[in-house]
Structures are given as C-alpha cells and as structure tokens.
C-alpha cells in the first residue's frame, strides 16, 4: 500500500509539472502572436528573424 501511495504522489507531481510547463508555453505562444510572429520548431525559416521563444526550449517566435 505504501508503494501505491508513492506512485499516486509521483503521478500527481508529474501532472502538476506538465501543466505548469504547458501554461508557460501557451503564454509564450500568445506573446509571439501579439508581436506579429509565428512559432517554428528549432529555427526560423529563411527570410524570417527570431524575435523570441514560443516554448522554453525548442520553439522560436519568428517574424518577417
């Protein structure tokens, strides 16, 4: 029974962490759109400039 409680607590902590990261990514994406940008994975396409981030790690906000 103790292990079941630990698994449940671990699952709750993971859910909390993921929801926090998702909320942060949503906020960054919204800021990007408000600045007239678009989100792209890893790098901006040719003729576009990076003006920020859409996620904390891999998605960037790009603008012409």
C-alpha atoms as a PDB file:
ATOM      1  CA  UNK A   1       0.000   0.000   0.000  1.00  0.00           C
ATOM      2  CA  UNK A   2       2.873   2.404   0.684  1.00  0.00           C
ATOM      3  CA  UNK A   3       4.174   1.908  -2.833  1.00  0.00           C
ATOM      4  CA  UNK A   4       0.747   2.665  -4.271  1.00  0.00           C
ATOM      5  CA  UNK A   5       0.674   5.961  -2.368  1.00  0.00           C
ATOM      6  CA  UNK A   6       4.151   6.827  -3.655  1.00  0.00           C
ATOM      7  CA  UNK A   7       3.092   6.064  -7.223  1.00  0.00           C
ATOM      8  CA  UNK A   8      -0.011   8.238  -6.866  1.00  0.00           C
ATOM      9  CA  UNK A   9       2.008  11.122  -5.404  1.00  0.00           C
ATOM     10  CA  UNK A  10       4.557  10.777  -8.203  1.00  0.00           C
ATOM     11  CA  UNK A  11       1.803  10.843 -10.800  1.00  0.00           C
ATOM     12  CA  UNK A  12       0.260  13.950  -9.231  1.00  0.00           C
ATOM     13  CA  UNK A  13       3.623  15.723  -9.160  1.00  0.00           C
ATOM     14  CA  UNK A  14       4.255  14.863 -12.817  1.00  0.00           C
ATOM     15  CA  UNK A  15       0.801  16.157 -13.767  1.00  0.00           C
ATOM     16  CA  UNK A  16       1.423  19.409 -11.901  1.00  0.00           C
ATOM     17  CA  UNK A  17       4.820  19.855 -13.556  1.00  0.00           C
ATOM     18  CA  UNK A  18       3.484  19.194 -17.056  1.00  0.00           C
ATOM     19  CA  UNK A  19       0.523  21.530 -16.613  1.00  0.00           C
ATOM     20  CA  UNK A  20       2.877  24.295 -15.457  1.00  0.00           C
ATOM     21  CA  UNK A  21       5.121  23.818 -18.495  1.00  0.00           C
ATOM     22  CA  UNK A  22       2.101  23.774 -20.813  1.00  0.00           C
ATOM     23  CA  UNK A  23       0.802  27.023 -19.308  1.00  0.00           C
ATOM     24  CA  UNK A  24       4.195  28.667 -19.772  1.00  0.00           C
ATOM     25  CA  UNK A  25       4.336  27.555 -23.426  1.00  0.00           C
ATOM     26  CA  UNK A  26       0.815  28.863 -24.046  1.00  0.00           C
ATOM     27  CA  UNK A  27       1.759  32.264 -22.624  1.00  0.00           C
ATOM     28  CA  UNK A  28       4.917  32.489 -24.742  1.00  0.00           C
ATOM     29  CA  UNK A  29       2.996  31.493 -27.899  1.00  0.00           C
ATOM     30  CA  UNK A  30       0.359  34.139 -27.209  1.00  0.00           C
ATOM     31  CA  UNK A  31       3.037  36.799 -26.743  1.00  0.00           C
ATOM     32  CA  UNK A  32       4.583  35.753 -30.045  1.00  0.00           C
ATOM     33  CA  UNK A  33       1.297  36.146 -31.920  1.00  0.00           C
ATOM     34  CA  UNK A  34       0.668  39.529 -30.273  1.00  0.00           C
ATOM     35  CA  UNK A  35       4.039  40.700 -31.595  1.00  0.00           C
ATOM     36  CA  UNK A  36       3.074  39.582 -35.104  1.00  0.00           C
ATOM     37  CA  UNK A  37       5.211  36.453 -35.072  1.00  0.00           C
ATOM     38  CA  UNK A  38       4.772  32.761 -35.768  1.00  0.00           C
ATOM     39  CA  UNK A  39       6.113  29.762 -33.848  1.00  0.00           C
ATOM     40  CA  UNK A  40       8.559  27.381 -35.532  1.00  0.00           C
ATOM     41  CA  UNK A  41      10.430  24.357 -34.267  1.00  0.00           C
ATOM     42  CA  UNK A  42      14.217  24.573 -33.831  1.00  0.00           C
ATOM     43  CA  UNK A  43      14.911  27.556 -36.162  1.00  0.00           C
ATOM     44  CA  UNK A  44      13.273  30.267 -38.209  1.00  0.00           C
ATOM     45  CA  UNK A  45      12.674  29.732 -41.927  1.00  0.00           C
ATOM     46  CA  UNK A  46      14.736  31.712 -44.465  1.00  0.00           C
ATOM     47  CA  UNK A  47      13.978  35.448 -44.603  1.00  0.00           C
ATOM     48  CA  UNK A  48      12.498  35.385 -41.091  1.00  0.00           C
ATOM     49  CA  UNK A  49      14.105  36.707 -37.921  1.00  0.00           C
ATOM     50  CA  UNK A  50      13.864  35.217 -34.462  1.00  0.00           C
ATOM     51  CA  UNK A  51      12.157  37.674 -32.104  1.00  0.00           C
ATOM     52  CA  UNK A  52      11.569  35.423 -29.094  1.00  0.00           C
ATOM     53  CA  UNK A  53      10.575  31.976 -27.880  1.00  0.00           C
ATOM     54  CA  UNK A  54       7.332  30.009 -28.038  1.00  0.00           C
ATOM     55  CA  UNK A  55       8.464  27.282 -25.637  1.00  0.00           C
ATOM     56  CA  UNK A  56      11.248  27.351 -23.075  1.00  0.00           C
ATOM     57  CA  UNK A  57      13.412  25.000 -25.142  1.00  0.00           C
ATOM     58  CA  UNK A  58      12.886  24.283 -28.857  1.00  0.00           C
ATOM     59  CA  UNK A  59      10.251  26.510 -30.485  1.00  0.00           C
ATOM     60  CA  UNK A  60      11.083  30.039 -31.577  1.00  0.00           C
ATOM     61  CA  UNK A  61       8.985  33.066 -32.449  1.00  0.00           C
ATOM     62  CA  UNK A  62       9.859  34.317 -35.917  1.00  0.00           C
ATOM     63  CA  UNK A  63       8.827  37.385 -37.882  1.00  0.00           C
ATOM     64  CA  UNK A  64       9.371  38.683 -41.418  1.00  0.00           C
END
